[in-house]
Amino acid sequence: MNNKKNTAVQYVKLTLRFFKEDNQWIGECLETGITTYGDTIDEVQKELPELITLHFNSIEDMGDMEDCLKKNGITLLSSNTPEKIDISAPYLPGAIYEPYFKDMVEV
């Protein structure tokens, strides 16, 4: 018997870039412009997704999600999260790029 829940989740794919500037690590979401900084990359990698979630929750509470996604060129996707991700982003020497998926709506 298959007990797996059969629901689809709509999500957005975002590109996170992390780089060191002087003695600080900086993390930024290329699609939204959300940034943070910290003393370690681990700190920044943990905080940036939290800030993105807060941002989208606030936008949703205001009822402006559709406009926000359109303004930032973000597509709402509704298939399974891909296993292989290609990232197309401006080159920054020494930067670390990571895909980030944010669940938006359960269908």
PDB file of N, CA and C in Angstrom:
ATOM      1  N   MET A   1       0.839  -1.185   0.000  1.00  0.00           N
ATOM      2  CA  MET A   1       0.000   0.000   0.000  1.00  0.00           C
ATOM      3  C   MET A   1       0.887   1.254   0.000  1.00  0.00           C
ATOM      4  N   ASN A   2       0.558   2.214  -0.829  1.00  0.00           N
ATOM      5  CA  ASN A   2       1.336   3.444  -0.933  1.00  0.00           C
ATOM      6  C   ASN A   2       0.704   4.524  -0.070  1.00  0.00           C
ATOM      7  N   ASN A   3       1.419   4.928   0.985  1.00  0.00           N
ATOM      8  CA  ASN A   3       0.910   5.963   1.890  1.00  0.00           C
ATOM      9  C   ASN A   3       1.422   7.348   1.534  1.00  0.00           C
ATOM     10  N   LYS A   4       2.093   7.471   0.413  1.00  0.00           N
ATOM     11  CA  LYS A   4       2.673   8.744   0.022  1.00  0.00           C
ATOM     12  C   LYS A   4       1.570   9.749  -0.312  1.00  0.00           C
ATOM     13  N   LYS A   5       1.666  10.938   0.255  1.00  0.00           N
ATOM     14  CA  LYS A   5       0.699  11.998  -0.010  1.00  0.00           C
ATOM     15  C   LYS A   5       0.859  12.470  -1.455  1.00  0.00           C
ATOM     16  N   ASN A   6      -0.225  12.596  -2.179  1.00  0.00           N
ATOM     17  CA  ASN A   6      -0.166  12.970  -3.578  1.00  0.00           C
ATOM     18  C   ASN A   6      -0.573  14.434  -3.746  1.00  0.00           C
ATOM     19  N   THR A   7       0.312  15.321  -3.376  1.00  0.00           N
ATOM     20  CA  THR A   7       0.049  16.749  -3.540  1.00  0.00           C
ATOM     21  C   THR A   7       1.181  17.371  -4.340  1.00  0.00           C
ATOM     22  N   ALA A   8       0.859  18.380  -5.069  1.00  0.00           N
ATOM     23  CA  ALA A   8       1.866  19.118  -5.824  1.00  0.00           C
ATOM     24  C   ALA A   8       2.140  20.421  -5.090  1.00  0.00           C
ATOM     25  N   VAL A   9       3.367  20.846  -5.148  1.00  0.00           N
ATOM     26  CA  VAL A   9       3.751  22.096  -4.515  1.00  0.00           C
ATOM     27  C   VAL A   9       4.267  23.030  -5.597  1.00  0.00           C
ATOM     28  N   GLN A  10       3.771  24.240  -5.588  1.00  0.00           N
ATOM     29  CA  GLN A  10       4.329  25.239  -6.493  1.00  0.00           C
ATOM     30  C   GLN A  10       5.507  25.881  -5.774  1.00  0.00           C
ATOM     31  N   TYR A  11       6.536  26.168  -6.526  1.00  0.00           N
ATOM     32  CA  TYR A  11       7.738  26.704  -5.917  1.00  0.00           C
ATOM     33  C   TYR A  11       8.405  27.685  -6.870  1.00  0.00           C
ATOM     34  N   VAL A  12       9.363  28.414  -6.328  1.00  0.00           N
ATOM     35  CA  VAL A  12      10.204  29.278  -7.145  1.00  0.00           C
ATOM     36  C   VAL A  12      11.644  28.814  -6.974  1.00  0.00           C
ATOM     37  N   LYS A  13      12.417  28.959  -8.029  1.00  0.00           N
ATOM     38  CA  LYS A  13      13.836  28.628  -7.993  1.00  0.00           C
ATOM     39  C   LYS A  13      14.600  29.947  -7.926  1.00  0.00           C
ATOM     40  N   LEU A  14      15.431  30.080  -6.926  1.00  0.00           N
ATOM     41  CA  LEU A  14      16.211  31.295  -6.739  1.00  0.00           C
ATOM     42  C   LEU A  14      17.697  30.954  -6.767  1.00  0.00           C
ATOM     43  N   THR A  15      18.518  31.928  -7.097  1.00  0.00           N
ATOM     44  CA  THR A  15      19.958  31.738  -7.142  1.00  0.00           C
ATOM     45  C   THR A  15      20.591  32.497  -5.989  1.00  0.00           C
ATOM     46  N   LEU A  16      21.308  31.770  -5.138  1.00  0.00           N
ATOM     47  CA  LEU A  16      21.996  32.387  -4.009  1.00  0.00           C
ATOM     48  C   LEU A  16      23.481  32.434  -4.318  1.00  0.00           C
ATOM     49  N   ARG A  17      24.068  33.604  -4.071  1.00  0.00           N
ATOM     50  CA  ARG A  17      25.504  33.776  -4.314  1.00  0.00           C
ATOM     51  C   ARG A  17      26.153  34.182  -2.998  1.00  0.00           C
ATOM     52  N   PHE A  18      27.266  33.536  -2.679  1.00  0.00           N
ATOM     53  CA  PHE A  18      28.011  33.819  -1.452  1.00  0.00           C
ATOM     54  C   PHE A  18      29.441  34.164  -1.826  1.00  0.00           C
ATOM     55  N   PHE A  19      29.956  35.232  -1.246  1.00  0.00           N
ATOM     56  CA  PHE A  19      31.329  35.632  -1.543  1.00  0.00           C
ATOM     57  C   PHE A  19      31.906  36.392  -0.354  1.00  0.00           C
ATOM     58  N   LYS A  20      33.214  36.443  -0.315  1.00  0.00           N
ATOM     59  CA  LYS A  20      33.896  37.121   0.780  1.00  0.00           C
ATOM     60  C   LYS A  20      34.365  38.485   0.297  1.00  0.00           C
ATOM     61  N   GLU A  21      34.093  39.493   1.119  1.00  0.00           N
ATOM     62  CA  GLU A  21      34.528  40.850   0.820  1.00  0.00           C
ATOM     63  C   GLU A  21      35.203  41.374   2.079  1.00  0.00           C
ATOM     64  N   ASP A  22      36.488  41.643   1.966  1.00  0.00           N
ATOM     65  CA  ASP A  22      37.306  41.983   3.131  1.00  0.00           C
ATOM     66  C   ASP A  22      37.202  40.836   4.142  1.00  0.00           C
ATOM     67  N   ASN A  23      36.722  41.081   5.346  1.00  0.00           N
ATOM     68  CA  ASN A  23      36.635  40.029   6.368  1.00  0.00           C
ATOM     69  C   ASN A  23      35.214  39.522   6.573  1.00  0.00           C
ATOM     70  N   GLN A  24      34.297  39.866   5.702  1.00  0.00           N
ATOM     71  CA  GLN A  24      32.887  39.482   5.862  1.00  0.00           C
ATOM     72  C   GLN A  24      32.443  38.598   4.698  1.00  0.00           C
ATOM     73  N   TRP A  25      31.591  37.620   5.022  1.00  0.00           N
ATOM     74  CA  TRP A  25      30.919  36.845   3.993  1.00  0.00           C
ATOM     75  C   TRP A  25      29.616  37.544   3.649  1.00  0.00           C
ATOM     76  N   ILE A  26      29.317  37.601   2.373  1.00  0.00           N
ATOM     77  CA  ILE A  26      28.081  38.232   1.908  1.00  0.00           C
ATOM     78  C   ILE A  26      27.275  37.183   1.156  1.00  0.00           C
ATOM     79  N   GLY A  27      25.983  37.161   1.422  1.00  0.00           N
ATOM     80  CA  GLY A  27      25.077  36.285   0.699  1.00  0.00           C
ATOM     81  C   GLY A  27      24.012  37.134   0.054  1.00  0.00           C
ATOM     82  N   GLU A  28      23.684  36.816  -1.190  1.00  0.00           N
ATOM     83  CA  GLU A  28      22.636  37.567  -1.873  1.00  0.00           C
ATOM     84  C   GLU A  28      21.798  36.649  -2.737  1.00  0.00           C
ATOM     85  N   CYS A  29      20.533  36.972  -2.814  1.00  0.00           N
ATOM     86  CA  CYS A  29      19.612  36.291  -3.718  1.00  0.00           C
ATOM     87  C   CYS A  29      19.561  37.151  -4.979  1.00  0.00           C
ATOM     88  N   LEU A  30      20.024  36.599  -6.078  1.00  0.00           N
ATOM     89  CA  LEU A  30      20.130  37.397  -7.313  1.00  0.00           C
ATOM     90  C   LEU A  30      18.781  37.850  -7.839  1.00  0.00           C
ATOM     91  N   GLU A  31      17.747  37.054  -7.651  1.00  0.00           N
ATOM     92  CA  GLU A  31      16.433  37.409  -8.180  1.00  0.00           C
ATOM     93  C   GLU A  31      15.721  38.475  -7.354  1.00  0.00           C
ATOM     94  N   THR A  32      15.887  38.471  -6.046  1.00  0.00           N
ATOM     95  CA  THR A  32      15.151  39.416  -5.193  1.00  0.00           C
ATOM     96  C   THR A  32      15.991  40.585  -4.703  1.00  0.00           C
ATOM     97  N   GLY A  33      17.313  40.440  -4.742  1.00  0.00           N
ATOM     98  CA  GLY A  33      18.186  41.484  -4.218  1.00  0.00           C
ATOM     99  C   GLY A  33      18.354  41.431  -2.705  1.00  0.00           C
ATOM    100  N   ILE A  34      17.781  40.434  -2.048  1.00  0.00           N
ATOM    101  CA  ILE A  34      17.922  40.292  -0.599  1.00  0.00           C
ATOM    102  C   ILE A  34      19.368  39.922  -0.292  1.00  0.00           C
ATOM    103  N   THR A  35      19.976  40.626   0.667  1.00  0.00           N
ATOM    104  CA  THR A  35      21.361  40.356   1.036  1.00  0.00           C
ATOM    105  C   THR A  35      21.509  40.284   2.547  1.00  0.00           C
ATOM    106  N   THR A  36      22.588  39.621   2.951  1.00  0.00           N
ATOM    107  CA  THR A  36      22.961  39.571   4.358  1.00  0.00           C
ATOM    108  C   THR A  36      24.466  39.387   4.426  1.00  0.00           C
ATOM    109  N   TYR A  37      25.022  39.595   5.593  1.00  0.00           N
ATOM    110  CA  TYR A  37      26.457  39.388   5.749  1.00  0.00           C
ATOM    111  C   TYR A  37      26.740  38.828   7.137  1.00  0.00           C
ATOM    112  N   GLY A  38      27.915  38.225   7.269  1.00  0.00           N
ATOM    113  CA  GLY A  38      28.301  37.652   8.552  1.00  0.00           C
ATOM    114  C   GLY A  38      29.763  37.285   8.564  1.00  0.00           C
ATOM    115  N   ASP A  39      30.218  36.797   9.703  1.00  0.00           N
ATOM    116  CA  ASP A  39      31.628  36.446   9.870  1.00  0.00           C
ATOM    117  C   ASP A  39      31.990  35.117   9.216  1.00  0.00           C
ATOM    118  N   THR A  40      31.007  34.217   9.082  1.00  0.00           N
ATOM    119  CA  THR A  40      31.282  32.903   8.485  1.00  0.00           C
ATOM    120  C   THR A  40      30.287  32.624   7.373  1.00  0.00           C
ATOM    121  N   ILE A  41      30.716  31.778   6.431  1.00  0.00           N
ATOM    122  CA  ILE A  41      29.806  31.400   5.345  1.00  0.00           C
ATOM    123  C   ILE A  41      28.640  30.585   5.892  1.00  0.00           C
ATOM    124  N   ASP A  42      28.881  29.759   6.904  1.00  0.00           N
ATOM    125  CA  ASP A  42      27.793  28.969   7.490  1.00  0.00           C
ATOM    126  C   ASP A  42      26.693  29.869   8.042  1.00  0.00           C
ATOM    127  N   GLU A  43      27.098  30.929   8.707  1.00  0.00           N
ATOM    128  CA  GLU A  43      26.135  31.891   9.269  1.00  0.00           C
ATOM    129  C   GLU A  43      25.294  32.526   8.163  1.00  0.00           C
ATOM    130  N   VAL A  44      25.949  32.921   7.094  1.00  0.00           N
ATOM    131  CA  VAL A  44      25.265  33.591   5.985  1.00  0.00           C
ATOM    132  C   VAL A  44      24.380  32.610   5.212  1.00  0.00           C
ATOM    133  N   GLN A  45      24.856  31.365   5.014  1.00  0.00           N
ATOM    134  CA  GLN A  45      24.056  30.362   4.311  1.00  0.00           C
ATOM    135  C   GLN A  45      22.807  29.985   5.100  1.00  0.00           C
ATOM    136  N   LYS A  46      22.844  30.103   6.391  1.00  0.00           N
ATOM    137  CA  LYS A  46      21.668  29.817   7.221  1.00  0.00           C
ATOM    138  C   LYS A  46      20.697  31.004   7.225  1.00  0.00           C
ATOM    139  N   GLU A  47      21.245  32.213   7.311  1.00  0.00           N
ATOM    140  CA  GLU A  47      20.403  33.410   7.457  1.00  0.00           C
ATOM    141  C   GLU A  47      19.698  33.820   6.165  1.00  0.00           C
ATOM    142  N   LEU A  48      20.349  33.682   5.020  1.00  0.00           N
ATOM    143  CA  LEU A  48      19.757  34.163   3.767  1.00  0.00           C
ATOM    144  C   LEU A  48      18.417  33.478   3.448  1.00  0.00           C
ATOM    145  N   PRO A  49      18.319  32.146   3.506  1.00  0.00           N
ATOM    146  CA  PRO A  49      17.000  31.530   3.263  1.00  0.00           C
ATOM    147  C   PRO A  49      15.937  31.983   4.270  1.00  0.00           C
ATOM    148  N   GLU A  50      16.336  32.232   5.512  1.00  0.00           N
ATOM    149  CA  GLU A  50      15.376  32.727   6.507  1.00  0.00           C
ATOM    150  C   GLU A  50      14.851  34.106   6.109  1.00  0.00           C
ATOM    151  N   LEU A  51      15.735  34.968   5.615  1.00  0.00           N
ATOM    152  CA  LEU A  51      15.325  36.307   5.170  1.00  0.00           C
ATOM    153  C   LEU A  51      14.412  36.229   3.946  1.00  0.00           C
ATOM    154  N   ILE A  52      14.722  35.304   3.039  1.00  0.00           N
ATOM    155  CA  ILE A  52      13.881  35.130   1.852  1.00  0.00           C
ATOM    156  C   ILE A  52      12.481  34.687   2.270  1.00  0.00           C
ATOM    157  N   THR A  53      12.398  33.757   3.207  1.00  0.00           N
ATOM    158  CA  THR A  53      11.103  33.288   3.701  1.00  0.00           C
ATOM    159  C   THR A  53      10.321  34.427   4.340  1.00  0.00           C
ATOM    160  N   LEU A  54      10.972  35.222   5.177  1.00  0.00           N
ATOM    161  CA  LEU A  54      10.309  36.385   5.796  1.00  0.00           C
ATOM    162  C   LEU A  54       9.801  37.350   4.727  1.00  0.00           C
ATOM    163  N   HIS A  55      10.619  37.584   3.717  1.00  0.00           N
ATOM    164  CA  HIS A  55      10.253  38.495   2.627  1.00  0.00           C
ATOM    165  C   HIS A  55       8.995  38.001   1.916  1.00  0.00           C
ATOM    166  N   PHE A  56       9.006  36.727   1.500  1.00  0.00           N
ATOM    167  CA  PHE A  56       7.856  36.192   0.774  1.00  0.00           C
ATOM    168  C   PHE A  56       6.616  36.109   1.657  1.00  0.00           C
ATOM    169  N   ASN A  57       6.791  35.802   2.933  1.00  0.00           N
ATOM    170  CA  ASN A  57       5.639  35.780   3.842  1.00  0.00           C
ATOM    171  C   ASN A  57       5.011  37.169   3.956  1.00  0.00           C
ATOM    172  N   SER A  58       5.839  38.193   4.045  1.00  0.00           N
ATOM    173  CA  SER A  58       5.334  39.571   4.122  1.00  0.00           C
ATOM    174  C   SER A  58       4.611  39.972   2.847  1.00  0.00           C
ATOM    175  N   ILE A  59       5.198  39.623   1.706  1.00  0.00           N
ATOM    176  CA  ILE A  59       4.579  39.935   0.413  1.00  0.00           C
ATOM    177  C   ILE A  59       3.225  39.234   0.299  1.00  0.00           C
ATOM    178  N   GLU A  60       3.183  37.964   0.722  1.00  0.00           N
ATOM    179  CA  GLU A  60       1.936  37.200   0.671  1.00  0.00           C
ATOM    180  C   GLU A  60       0.886  37.823   1.583  1.00  0.00           C
ATOM    181  N   ASP A  61       1.288  38.233   2.795  1.00  0.00           N
ATOM    182  CA  ASP A  61       0.357  38.864   3.737  1.00  0.00           C
ATOM    183  C   ASP A  61      -0.250  40.142   3.157  1.00  0.00           C
ATOM    184  N   MET A  62       0.522  40.867   2.345  1.00  0.00           N
ATOM    185  CA  MET A  62       0.031  42.106   1.733  1.00  0.00           C
ATOM    186  C   MET A  62      -0.785  41.833   0.470  1.00  0.00           C
ATOM    187  N   GLY A  63      -0.776  40.567   0.009  1.00  0.00           N
ATOM    188  CA  GLY A  63      -1.524  40.224  -1.199  1.00  0.00           C
ATOM    189  C   GLY A  63      -0.838  40.658  -2.481  1.00  0.00           C
ATOM    190  N   ASP A  64       0.483  40.843  -2.434  1.00  0.00           N
ATOM    191  CA  ASP A  64       1.213  41.346  -3.595  1.00  0.00           C
ATOM    192  C   ASP A  64       2.121  40.313  -4.246  1.00  0.00           C
ATOM    193  N   MET A  65       1.887  39.013  -3.987  1.00  0.00           N
ATOM    194  CA  MET A  65       2.812  37.988  -4.474  1.00  0.00           C
ATOM    195  C   MET A  65       2.934  37.991  -5.990  1.00  0.00           C
ATOM    196  N   GLU A  66       1.805  38.033  -6.691  1.00  0.00           N
ATOM    197  CA  GLU A  66       1.846  37.985  -8.156  1.00  0.00           C
ATOM    198  C   GLU A  66       2.672  39.139  -8.720  1.00  0.00           C
ATOM    199  N   ASP A  67       2.459  40.352  -8.207  1.00  0.00           N
ATOM    200  CA  ASP A  67       3.225  41.515  -8.675  1.00  0.00           C
ATOM    201  C   ASP A  67       4.715  41.376  -8.351  1.00  0.00           C
ATOM    202  N   CYS A  68       5.015  40.877  -7.162  1.00  0.00           N
ATOM    203  CA  CYS A  68       6.409  40.705  -6.734  1.00  0.00           C
ATOM    204  C   CYS A  68       7.142  39.723  -7.650  1.00  0.00           C
ATOM    205  N   LEU A  69       6.512  38.585  -7.925  1.00  0.00           N
ATOM    206  CA  LEU A  69       7.142  37.591  -8.785  1.00  0.00           C
ATOM    207  C   LEU A  69       7.364  38.147 -10.189  1.00  0.00           C
ATOM    208  N   LYS A  70       6.347  38.833 -10.713  1.00  0.00           N
ATOM    209  CA  LYS A  70       6.448  39.408 -12.059  1.00  0.00           C
ATOM    210  C   LYS A  70       7.547  40.473 -12.118  1.00  0.00           C
ATOM    211  N   LYS A  71       7.570  41.355 -11.139  1.00  0.00           N
ATOM    212  CA  LYS A  71       8.556  42.445 -11.103  1.00  0.00           C
ATOM    213  C   LYS A  71       9.988  41.917 -11.069  1.00  0.00           C
ATOM    214  N   ASN A  72      10.182  40.787 -10.386  1.00  0.00           N
ATOM    215  CA  ASN A  72      11.525  40.225 -10.243  1.00  0.00           C
ATOM    216  C   ASN A  72      11.841  39.142 -11.272  1.00  0.00           C
ATOM    217  N   GLY A  73      10.914  38.917 -12.210  1.00  0.00           N
ATOM    218  CA  GLY A  73      11.149  37.920 -13.247  1.00  0.00           C
ATOM    219  C   GLY A  73      11.225  36.504 -12.699  1.00  0.00           C
ATOM    220  N   ILE A  74      10.478  36.228 -11.634  1.00  0.00           N
ATOM    221  CA  ILE A  74      10.483  34.917 -10.992  1.00  0.00           C
ATOM    222  C   ILE A  74       9.267  34.141 -11.470  1.00  0.00           C
ATOM    223  N   THR A  75       9.501  32.919 -11.937  1.00  0.00           N
ATOM    224  CA  THR A  75       8.429  32.068 -12.442  1.00  0.00           C
ATOM    225  C   THR A  75       7.978  31.108 -11.353  1.00  0.00           C
ATOM    226  N   LEU A  76       6.680  30.991 -11.192  1.00  0.00           N
ATOM    227  CA  LEU A  76       6.105  30.021 -10.271  1.00  0.00           C
ATOM    228  C   LEU A  76       6.065  28.678 -10.998  1.00  0.00           C
ATOM    229  N   LEU A  77       6.771  27.690 -10.461  1.00  0.00           N
ATOM    230  CA  LEU A  77       6.885  26.372 -11.083  1.00  0.00           C
ATOM    231  C   LEU A  77       5.981  25.381 -10.367  1.00  0.00           C
ATOM    232  N   SER A  78       5.511  24.375 -11.083  1.00  0.00           N
ATOM    233  CA  SER A  78       4.614  23.424 -10.437  1.00  0.00           C
ATOM    234  C   SER A  78       4.874  21.991 -10.874  1.00  0.00           C
ATOM    235  N   SER A  79       6.119  21.646 -11.003  1.00  0.00           N
ATOM    236  CA  SER A  79       6.491  20.258 -11.270  1.00  0.00           C
ATOM    237  C   SER A  79       7.383  19.796 -10.120  1.00  0.00           C
ATOM    238  N   ASN A  80       7.880  18.587 -10.201  1.00  0.00           N
ATOM    239  CA  ASN A  80       8.786  18.116  -9.170  1.00  0.00           C
ATOM    240  C   ASN A  80      10.092  18.899  -9.212  1.00  0.00           C
ATOM    241  N   THR A  81      10.697  19.085  -8.072  1.00  0.00           N
ATOM    242  CA  THR A  81      11.979  19.777  -8.002  1.00  0.00           C
ATOM    243  C   THR A  81      13.003  18.978  -8.797  1.00  0.00           C
ATOM    244  N   PRO A  82      13.702  19.605  -9.741  1.00  0.00           N
ATOM    245  CA  PRO A  82      14.671  18.871 -10.554  1.00  0.00           C
ATOM    246  C   PRO A  82      15.872  18.398  -9.726  1.00  0.00           C
ATOM    247  N   GLU A  83      16.444  17.266 -10.127  1.00  0.00           N
ATOM    248  CA  GLU A  83      17.612  16.746  -9.425  1.00  0.00           C
ATOM    249  C   GLU A  83      18.871  17.476  -9.854  1.00  0.00           C
ATOM    250  N   LYS A  84      18.974  17.852 -11.131  1.00  0.00           N
ATOM    251  CA  LYS A  84      20.141  18.561 -11.642  1.00  0.00           C
ATOM    252  C   LYS A  84      19.741  20.008 -11.922  1.00  0.00           C
ATOM    253  N   ILE A  85      20.540  20.921 -11.439  1.00  0.00           N
ATOM    254  CA  ILE A  85      20.234  22.343 -11.566  1.00  0.00           C
ATOM    255  C   ILE A  85      21.351  23.037 -12.338  1.00  0.00           C
ATOM    256  N   ASP A  86      20.990  23.801 -13.350  1.00  0.00           N
ATOM    257  CA  ASP A  86      21.947  24.654 -14.039  1.00  0.00           C
ATOM    258  C   ASP A  86      21.739  26.074 -13.537  1.00  0.00           C
ATOM    259  N   ILE A  87      22.830  26.724 -13.178  1.00  0.00           N
ATOM    260  CA  ILE A  87      22.751  28.093 -12.683  1.00  0.00           C
ATOM    261  C   ILE A  87      23.408  29.010 -13.706  1.00  0.00           C
ATOM    262  N   SER A  88      22.666  30.005 -14.126  1.00  0.00           N
ATOM    263  CA  SER A  88      23.180  31.006 -15.044  1.00  0.00           C
ATOM    264  C   SER A  88      23.221  32.321 -14.278  1.00  0.00           C
ATOM    265  N   ALA A  89      24.417  32.741 -13.898  1.00  0.00           N
ATOM    266  CA  ALA A  89      24.561  33.953 -13.089  1.00  0.00           C
ATOM    267  C   ALA A  89      25.831  34.688 -13.488  1.00  0.00           C
ATOM    268  N   PRO A  90      25.868  35.993 -13.231  1.00  0.00           N
ATOM    269  CA  PRO A  90      27.078  36.758 -13.542  1.00  0.00           C
ATOM    270  C   PRO A  90      28.280  36.188 -12.796  1.00  0.00           C
ATOM    271  N   TYR A  91      29.409  36.095 -13.484  1.00  0.00           N
ATOM    272  CA  TYR A  91      30.624  35.540 -12.889  1.00  0.00           C
ATOM    273  C   TYR A  91      31.207  36.494 -11.855  1.00  0.00           C
ATOM    274  N   LEU A  92      31.536  35.957 -10.703  1.00  0.00           N
ATOM    275  CA  LEU A  92      32.224  36.704  -9.660  1.00  0.00           C
ATOM    276  C   LEU A  92      33.315  35.788  -9.135  1.00  0.00           C
ATOM    277  N   PRO A  93      34.584  36.140  -9.347  1.00  0.00           N
ATOM    278  CA  PRO A  93      35.669  35.262  -8.914  1.00  0.00           C
ATOM    279  C   PRO A  93      35.548  34.897  -7.431  1.00  0.00           C
ATOM    280  N   GLY A  94      35.679  33.618  -7.129  1.00  0.00           N
ATOM    281  CA  GLY A  94      35.638  33.155  -5.754  1.00  0.00           C
ATOM    282  C   GLY A  94      34.246  32.983  -5.170  1.00  0.00           C
ATOM    283  N   ALA A  95      33.213  33.299  -5.927  1.00  0.00           N
ATOM    284  CA  ALA A  95      31.845  33.188  -5.413  1.00  0.00           C
ATOM    285  C   ALA A  95      31.372  31.741  -5.442  1.00  0.00           C
ATOM    286  N   ILE A  96      30.487  31.428  -4.515  1.00  0.00           N
ATOM    287  CA  ILE A  96      29.845  30.122  -4.442  1.00  0.00           C
ATOM    288  C   ILE A  96      28.376  30.332  -4.798  1.00  0.00           C
ATOM    289  N   TYR A  97      27.885  29.567  -5.765  1.00  0.00           N
ATOM    290  CA  TYR A  97      26.498  29.693  -6.198  1.00  0.00           C
ATOM    291  C   TYR A  97      25.723  28.457  -5.768  1.00  0.00           C
ATOM    292  N   GLU A  98      24.510  28.652  -5.287  1.00  0.00           N
ATOM    293  CA  GLU A  98      23.652  27.545  -4.879  1.00  0.00           C
ATOM    294  C   GLU A  98      22.239  27.801  -5.371  1.00  0.00           C
ATOM    295  N   PRO A  99      21.569  26.753  -5.867  1.00  0.00           N
ATOM    296  CA  PRO A  99      20.139  26.905  -6.166  1.00  0.00           C
ATOM    297  C   PRO A  99      19.367  26.851  -4.855  1.00  0.00           C
ATOM    298  N   TYR A 100      18.275  27.550  -4.792  1.00  0.00           N
ATOM    299  CA  TYR A 100      17.423  27.528  -3.606  1.00  0.00           C
ATOM    300  C   TYR A 100      15.986  27.464  -4.082  1.00  0.00           C
ATOM    301  N   PHE A 101      15.238  26.533  -3.529  1.00  0.00           N
ATOM    302  CA  PHE A 101      13.834  26.376  -3.892  1.00  0.00           C
ATOM    303  C   PHE A 101      12.969  26.778  -2.715  1.00  0.00           C
ATOM    304  N   LYS A 102      12.003  27.629  -2.977  1.00  0.00           N
ATOM    305  CA  LYS A 102      11.100  28.101  -1.944  1.00  0.00           C
ATOM    306  C   LYS A 102       9.694  27.652  -2.301  1.00  0.00           C
ATOM    307  N   ASP A 103       9.119  26.761  -1.446  1.00  0.00           N
ATOM    308  CA  ASP A 103       7.731  26.338  -1.638  1.00  0.00           C
ATOM    309  C   ASP A 103       6.831  27.558  -1.496  1.00  0.00           C
ATOM    310  N   MET A 104       5.864  27.669  -2.399  1.00  0.00           N
ATOM    311  CA  MET A 104       4.985  28.825  -2.379  1.00  0.00           C
ATOM    312  C   MET A 104       3.543  28.447  -2.044  1.00  0.00           C
ATOM    313  N   VAL A 105       3.003  27.435  -2.728  1.00  0.00           N
ATOM    314  CA  VAL A 105       1.602  27.078  -2.569  1.00  0.00           C
ATOM    315  C   VAL A 105       1.471  25.567  -2.694  1.00  0.00           C
ATOM    316  N   GLU A 106       0.698  24.956  -1.814  1.00  0.00           N
ATOM    317  CA  GLU A 106       0.404  23.533  -1.950  1.00  0.00           C
ATOM    318  C   GLU A 106      -0.900  23.397  -2.721  1.00  0.00           C
ATOM    319  N   VAL A 107      -0.887  22.561  -3.750  1.00  0.00           N
ATOM    320  CA  VAL A 107      -2.060  22.367  -4.607  1.00  0.00           C
ATOM    321  C   VAL A 107      -2.724  21.060  -4.268  1.00  0.00           C
TER     322      VAL A 107
END
